[in-house]
PDB file of N, CA and C in Angstrom:
ATOM      1  N   MET A   1     140.771 113.092  95.609  1.00  0.00           N
ATOM      2  CA  MET A   1     141.016 111.470  95.727  1.00  0.00           C
ATOM      3  C   MET A   1     139.522 111.155  95.656  1.00  0.00           C
ATOM      4  N   LYS A   2     138.817 110.287  94.600  1.00  0.00           N
ATOM      5  CA  LYS A   2     137.781 109.597  94.857  1.00  0.00           C
ATOM      6  C   LYS A   2     138.269 108.519  94.820  1.00  0.00           C
ATOM      7  N   GLU A   3     137.318 108.053  96.176  1.00  0.00           N
ATOM      8  CA  GLU A   3     137.441 106.612  96.854  1.00  0.00           C
ATOM      9  C   GLU A   3     136.917 105.170  96.154  1.00  0.00           C
ATOM     10  N   LYS A   4     137.233 104.139  96.489  1.00  0.00           N
ATOM     11  CA  LYS A   4     136.437 103.134  94.957  1.00  0.00           C
ATOM     12  C   LYS A   4     135.790 102.208  95.677  1.00  0.00           C
ATOM     13  N   TYR A   5     135.242 101.661  95.704  1.00  0.00           N
ATOM     14  CA  TYR A   5     134.317 101.170  95.963  1.00  0.00           C
ATOM     15  C   TYR A   5     134.404  99.571  95.227  1.00  0.00           C
ATOM     16  N   ILE A   6     133.670  98.491  96.583  1.00  0.00           N
ATOM     17  CA  ILE A   6     133.609  96.808  95.939  1.00  0.00           C
ATOM     18  C   ILE A   6     131.970  96.555  96.318  1.00  0.00           C
ATOM     19  N   THR A   7     131.534  96.382  95.064  1.00  0.00           N
ATOM     20  CA  THR A   7     129.427  95.583  95.273  1.00  0.00           C
ATOM     21  C   THR A   7     130.310  94.597  95.466  1.00  0.00           C
ATOM     22  N   ILE A   8     129.851  93.542  97.269  1.00  0.00           N
ATOM     23  CA  ILE A   8     129.624  92.192  96.629  1.00  0.00           C
ATOM     24  C   ILE A   8     128.116  91.438  96.650  1.00  0.00           C
ATOM     25  N   LYS A   9     127.606  90.061  97.059  1.00  0.00           N
ATOM     26  CA  LYS A   9     126.724  89.747  96.819  1.00  0.00           C
ATOM     27  C   LYS A   9     126.742  88.084  97.526  1.00  0.00           C
ATOM     28  N   LEU A  10     125.747  87.856  98.401  1.00  0.00           N
ATOM     29  CA  LEU A  10     125.413  87.003  99.433  1.00  0.00           C
ATOM     30  C   LEU A  10     124.856  86.165  98.444  1.00  0.00           C
ATOM     31  N   LYS A  11     125.860  85.236  98.088  1.00  0.00           N
ATOM     32  CA  LYS A  11     124.835  83.513  97.092  1.00  0.00           C
ATOM     33  C   LYS A  11     125.103  82.522  98.155  1.00  0.00           C
ATOM     34  N   LYS A  12     125.032  81.817  98.907  1.00  0.00           N
ATOM     35  CA  LYS A  12     125.173  81.101 100.150  1.00  0.00           C
ATOM     36  C   LYS A  12     124.412  81.628 101.676  1.00  0.00           C
ATOM     37  N   SER A  13     123.479  80.244 102.225  1.00  0.00           N
ATOM     38  CA  SER A  13     123.077  80.631 102.989  1.00  0.00           C
ATOM     39  C   SER A  13     124.448  80.650 104.088  1.00  0.00           C
ATOM     40  N   PRO A  14     124.613  81.384 105.299  1.00  0.00           N
ATOM     41  CA  PRO A  14     125.341  81.523 106.545  1.00  0.00           C
ATOM     42  C   PRO A  14     124.517  80.217 107.689  1.00  0.00           C
ATOM     43  N   ILE A  15     123.653  79.900 107.223  1.00  0.00           N
ATOM     44  CA  ILE A  15     123.233  78.701 108.334  1.00  0.00           C
ATOM     45  C   ILE A  15     124.153  77.711 108.258  1.00  0.00           C
ATOM     46  N   GLY A  16     124.273  77.133 109.391  1.00  0.00           N
ATOM     47  CA  GLY A  16     125.262  76.120 109.449  1.00  0.00           C
ATOM     48  C   GLY A  16     126.975  76.729 110.019  1.00  0.00           C
ATOM     49  N   ARG A  17     127.286  77.626 109.735  1.00  0.00           N
ATOM     50  CA  ARG A  17     128.477  78.603 109.316  1.00  0.00           C
ATOM     51  C   ARG A  17     129.158  78.615 110.476  1.00  0.00           C
ATOM     52  N   LYS A  18     130.512  78.710 110.486  1.00  0.00           N
ATOM     53  CA  LYS A  18     131.531  78.818 111.418  1.00  0.00           C
ATOM     54  C   LYS A  18     130.817  80.580 112.770  1.00  0.00           C
ATOM     55  N   PRO A  19     130.666  80.500 114.529  1.00  0.00           N
ATOM     56  CA  PRO A  19     129.770  82.114 114.050  1.00  0.00           C
ATOM     57  C   PRO A  19     131.127  82.785 113.689  1.00  0.00           C
ATOM     58  N   ASN A  20     131.795  83.561 113.492  1.00  0.00           N
ATOM     59  CA  ASN A  20     132.387  84.316 113.240  1.00  0.00           C
ATOM     60  C   ASN A  20     132.209  84.630 111.537  1.00  0.00           C
ATOM     61  N   GLN A  21     132.233  83.770 110.810  1.00  0.00           N
ATOM     62  CA  GLN A  21     131.152  83.698 109.587  1.00  0.00           C
ATOM     63  C   GLN A  21     130.270  84.388 108.735  1.00  0.00           C
ATOM     64  N   VAL A  22     129.579  84.389 110.304  1.00  0.00           N
ATOM     65  CA  VAL A  22     128.146  84.344 110.465  1.00  0.00           C
ATOM     66  C   VAL A  22     128.014  85.991 110.810  1.00  0.00           C
ATOM     67  N   LYS A  23     128.937  86.564 112.067  1.00  0.00           N
ATOM     68  CA  LYS A  23     129.337  87.446 112.543  1.00  0.00           C
ATOM     69  C   LYS A  23     130.379  89.273 111.125  1.00  0.00           C
ATOM     70  N   THR A  24     131.058  88.187 110.340  1.00  0.00           N
ATOM     71  CA  THR A  24     131.389  89.118 109.283  1.00  0.00           C
ATOM     72  C   THR A  24     130.502  89.123 108.613  1.00  0.00           C
ATOM     73  N   LEU A  25     129.585  87.860 107.708  1.00  0.00           N
ATOM     74  CA  LEU A  25     128.768  88.961 106.978  1.00  0.00           C
ATOM     75  C   LEU A  25     127.183  89.802 107.276  1.00  0.00           C
ATOM     76  N   LYS A  26     127.283  89.937 108.309  1.00  0.00           N
ATOM     77  CA  LYS A  26     126.316  90.678 109.227  1.00  0.00           C
ATOM     78  C   LYS A  26     127.402  91.972 109.197  1.00  0.00           C
ATOM     79  N   ALA A  27     128.352  91.991 109.793  1.00  0.00           N
ATOM     80  CA  ALA A  27     129.263  93.478 109.394  1.00  0.00           C
ATOM     81  C   ALA A  27     129.251  93.709 108.443  1.00  0.00           C
ATOM     82  N   LEU A  28     129.204  93.090 107.204  1.00  0.00           N
ATOM     83  CA  LEU A  28     129.163  93.598 106.154  1.00  0.00           C
ATOM     84  C   LEU A  28     128.096  94.328 105.784  1.00  0.00           C
ATOM     85  N   GLY A  29     127.191  93.682 106.612  1.00  0.00           N
ATOM     86  CA  GLY A  29     125.899  93.666 105.805  1.00  0.00           C
ATOM     87  C   GLY A  29     125.195  93.188 104.582  1.00  0.00           C
ATOM     88  N   LEU A  30     125.728  91.434 104.729  1.00  0.00           N
ATOM     89  CA  LEU A  30     124.614  91.024 104.176  1.00  0.00           C
ATOM     90  C   LEU A  30     123.837  90.218 104.928  1.00  0.00           C
ATOM     91  N   THR A  31     122.398  90.463 105.031  1.00  0.00           N
ATOM     92  CA  THR A  31     121.759  89.337 105.601  1.00  0.00           C
ATOM     93  C   THR A  31     120.670  88.080 104.970  1.00  0.00           C
ATOM     94  N   LYS A  32     120.595  89.066 103.862  1.00  0.00           N
ATOM     95  CA  LYS A  32     120.062  87.573 102.562  1.00  0.00           C
ATOM     96  C   LYS A  32     120.343  87.305 101.648  1.00  0.00           C
ATOM     97  N   ILE A  33     120.104  86.215 101.069  1.00  0.00           N
ATOM     98  CA  ILE A  33     120.366  85.123  99.669  1.00  0.00           C
ATOM     99  C   ILE A  33     120.232  86.211  98.530  1.00  0.00           C
ATOM    100  N   ASN A  34     121.531  86.427  97.704  1.00  0.00           N
ATOM    101  CA  ASN A  34     121.368  88.084  96.564  1.00  0.00           C
ATOM    102  C   ASN A  34     120.873  89.321  96.911  1.00  0.00           C
ATOM    103  N   GLN A  35     121.278  89.424  97.933  1.00  0.00           N
ATOM    104  CA  GLN A  35     121.362  90.997  98.300  1.00  0.00           C
ATOM    105  C   GLN A  35     122.592  91.327  98.147  1.00  0.00           C
ATOM    106  N   GLU A  36     123.131  92.691  97.498  1.00  0.00           N
ATOM    107  CA  GLU A  36     124.199  93.372  97.343  1.00  0.00           C
ATOM    108  C   GLU A  36     124.409  94.633  98.061  1.00  0.00           C
ATOM    109  N   VAL A  37     125.388  94.604  98.496  1.00  0.00           N
ATOM    110  CA  VAL A  37     126.013  95.974  99.346  1.00  0.00           C
ATOM    111  C   VAL A  37     127.508  96.074  98.763  1.00  0.00           C
ATOM    112  N   LYS A  38     127.440  97.504  98.651  1.00  0.00           N
ATOM    113  CA  LYS A  38     128.772  98.592  98.504  1.00  0.00           C
ATOM    114  C   LYS A  38     129.586  99.051  99.678  1.00  0.00           C
ATOM    115  N   ARG A  39     130.870  98.310  99.541  1.00  0.00           N
ATOM    116  CA  ARG A  39     131.391  99.062 100.250  1.00  0.00           C
ATOM    117  C   ARG A  39     133.022  99.230  99.894  1.00  0.00           C
ATOM    118  N   PRO A  40     133.653  99.930 100.655  1.00  0.00           N
ATOM    119  CA  PRO A  40     134.822 100.723 100.436  1.00  0.00           C
ATOM    120  C   PRO A  40     135.990  99.691  99.832  1.00  0.00           C
ATOM    121  N   ASP A  41     136.772  99.989  99.549  1.00  0.00           N
ATOM    122  CA  ASP A  41     137.792  98.505  99.030  1.00  0.00           C
ATOM    123  C   ASP A  41     138.776  99.359 100.065  1.00  0.00           C
ATOM    124  N   ASN A  42     139.253  98.939 100.726  1.00  0.00           N
ATOM    125  CA  ASN A  42     140.007  99.022 101.832  1.00  0.00           C
ATOM    126  C   ASN A  42     140.889  97.530 102.306  1.00  0.00           C
ATOM    127  N   GLU A  43     141.633  97.359 102.752  1.00  0.00           N
ATOM    128  CA  GLU A  43     142.310  96.266 103.508  1.00  0.00           C
ATOM    129  C   GLU A  43     141.312  95.671 104.393  1.00  0.00           C
ATOM    130  N   ALA A  44     140.426  96.231 105.437  1.00  0.00           N
ATOM    131  CA  ALA A  44     139.594  95.730 106.186  1.00  0.00           C
ATOM    132  C   ALA A  44     138.523  95.100 105.456  1.00  0.00           C
ATOM    133  N   VAL A  45     138.102  95.432 104.910  1.00  0.00           N
ATOM    134  CA  VAL A  45     136.756  94.931 103.648  1.00  0.00           C
ATOM    135  C   VAL A  45     137.311  94.013 103.021  1.00  0.00           C
ATOM    136  N   ARG A  46     138.803  93.583 102.600  1.00  0.00           N
ATOM    137  CA  ARG A  46     139.243  92.644 102.074  1.00  0.00           C
ATOM    138  C   ARG A  46     139.849  92.118 102.527  1.00  0.00           C
ATOM    139  N   GLY A  47     140.091  91.925 103.992  1.00  0.00           N
ATOM    140  CA  GLY A  47     140.253  90.826 104.871  1.00  0.00           C
ATOM    141  C   GLY A  47     138.773  90.420 105.202  1.00  0.00           C
ATOM    142  N   MET A  48     137.573  90.937 105.642  1.00  0.00           N
ATOM    143  CA  MET A  48     136.364  90.565 105.181  1.00  0.00           C
ATOM    144  C   MET A  48     135.750  89.751 104.628  1.00  0.00           C
ATOM    145  N   ILE A  49     136.258  90.304 103.225  1.00  0.00           N
ATOM    146  CA  ILE A  49     135.814  89.216 102.259  1.00  0.00           C
ATOM    147  C   ILE A  49     136.387  87.354 101.772  1.00  0.00           C
ATOM    148  N   ALA A  50     138.147  87.850 102.358  1.00  0.00           N
ATOM    149  CA  ALA A  50     138.561  86.892 102.178  1.00  0.00           C
ATOM    150  C   ALA A  50     138.090  85.918 103.160  1.00  0.00           C
ATOM    151  N   THR A  51     137.784  86.168 103.669  1.00  0.00           N
ATOM    152  CA  THR A  51     136.884  85.231 105.577  1.00  0.00           C
ATOM    153  C   THR A  51     135.657  84.594 104.882  1.00  0.00           C
ATOM    154  N   VAL A  52     135.189  84.902 104.044  1.00  0.00           N
ATOM    155  CA  VAL A  52     133.605  84.051 103.592  1.00  0.00           C
ATOM    156  C   VAL A  52     133.621  84.284 102.203  1.00  0.00           C
ATOM    157  N   SER A  53     135.238  84.161 101.521  1.00  0.00           N
ATOM    158  CA  SER A  53     135.342  84.606  99.852  1.00  0.00           C
ATOM    159  C   SER A  53     134.253  83.294  99.796  1.00  0.00           C
ATOM    160  N   HIS A  54     133.907  81.895  99.902  1.00  0.00           N
ATOM    161  CA  HIS A  54     132.774  80.913  99.491  1.00  0.00           C
ATOM    162  C   HIS A  54     131.887  81.044  99.919  1.00  0.00           C
ATOM    163  N   LEU A  55     131.128  82.151 100.397  1.00  0.00           N
ATOM    164  CA  LEU A  55     129.527  82.019 100.549  1.00  0.00           C
ATOM    165  C   LEU A  55     129.353  83.590  99.790  1.00  0.00           C
ATOM    166  N   ILE A  56     130.664  84.410  99.027  1.00  0.00           N
ATOM    167  CA  ILE A  56     129.661  85.669  98.585  1.00  0.00           C
ATOM    168  C   ILE A  56     130.474  85.560  96.954  1.00  0.00           C
ATOM    169  N   GLU A  57     130.246  86.224  96.080  1.00  0.00           N
ATOM    170  CA  GLU A  57     130.603  87.087  94.882  1.00  0.00           C
ATOM    171  C   GLU A  57     130.899  88.336  95.108  1.00  0.00           C
ATOM    172  N   VAL A  58     132.033  88.595  94.637  1.00  0.00           N
ATOM    173  CA  VAL A  58     132.487  90.212  94.410  1.00  0.00           C
ATOM    174  C   VAL A  58     132.462  90.381  92.954  1.00  0.00           C
ATOM    175  N   LEU A  59     131.786  91.640  92.745  1.00  0.00           N
ATOM    176  CA  LEU A  59     130.891  92.199  91.236  1.00  0.00           C
ATOM    177  C   LEU A  59     131.786  93.493  90.962  1.00  0.00           C
TER     178      LEU A  59
END
């Protein structure tokens, strides 16, 4: 079975955000604005996306 992936792009800066949101972005691998990463499409990653949905764009 082929694993699905989600592409995530950081659109807004984490400066001044709550510490848990900054740590979530680091855990996703997002450190710079307009940076894109691919992550597996699973419940853990979906929960992280929900936490910082106002800062990212899912492609």
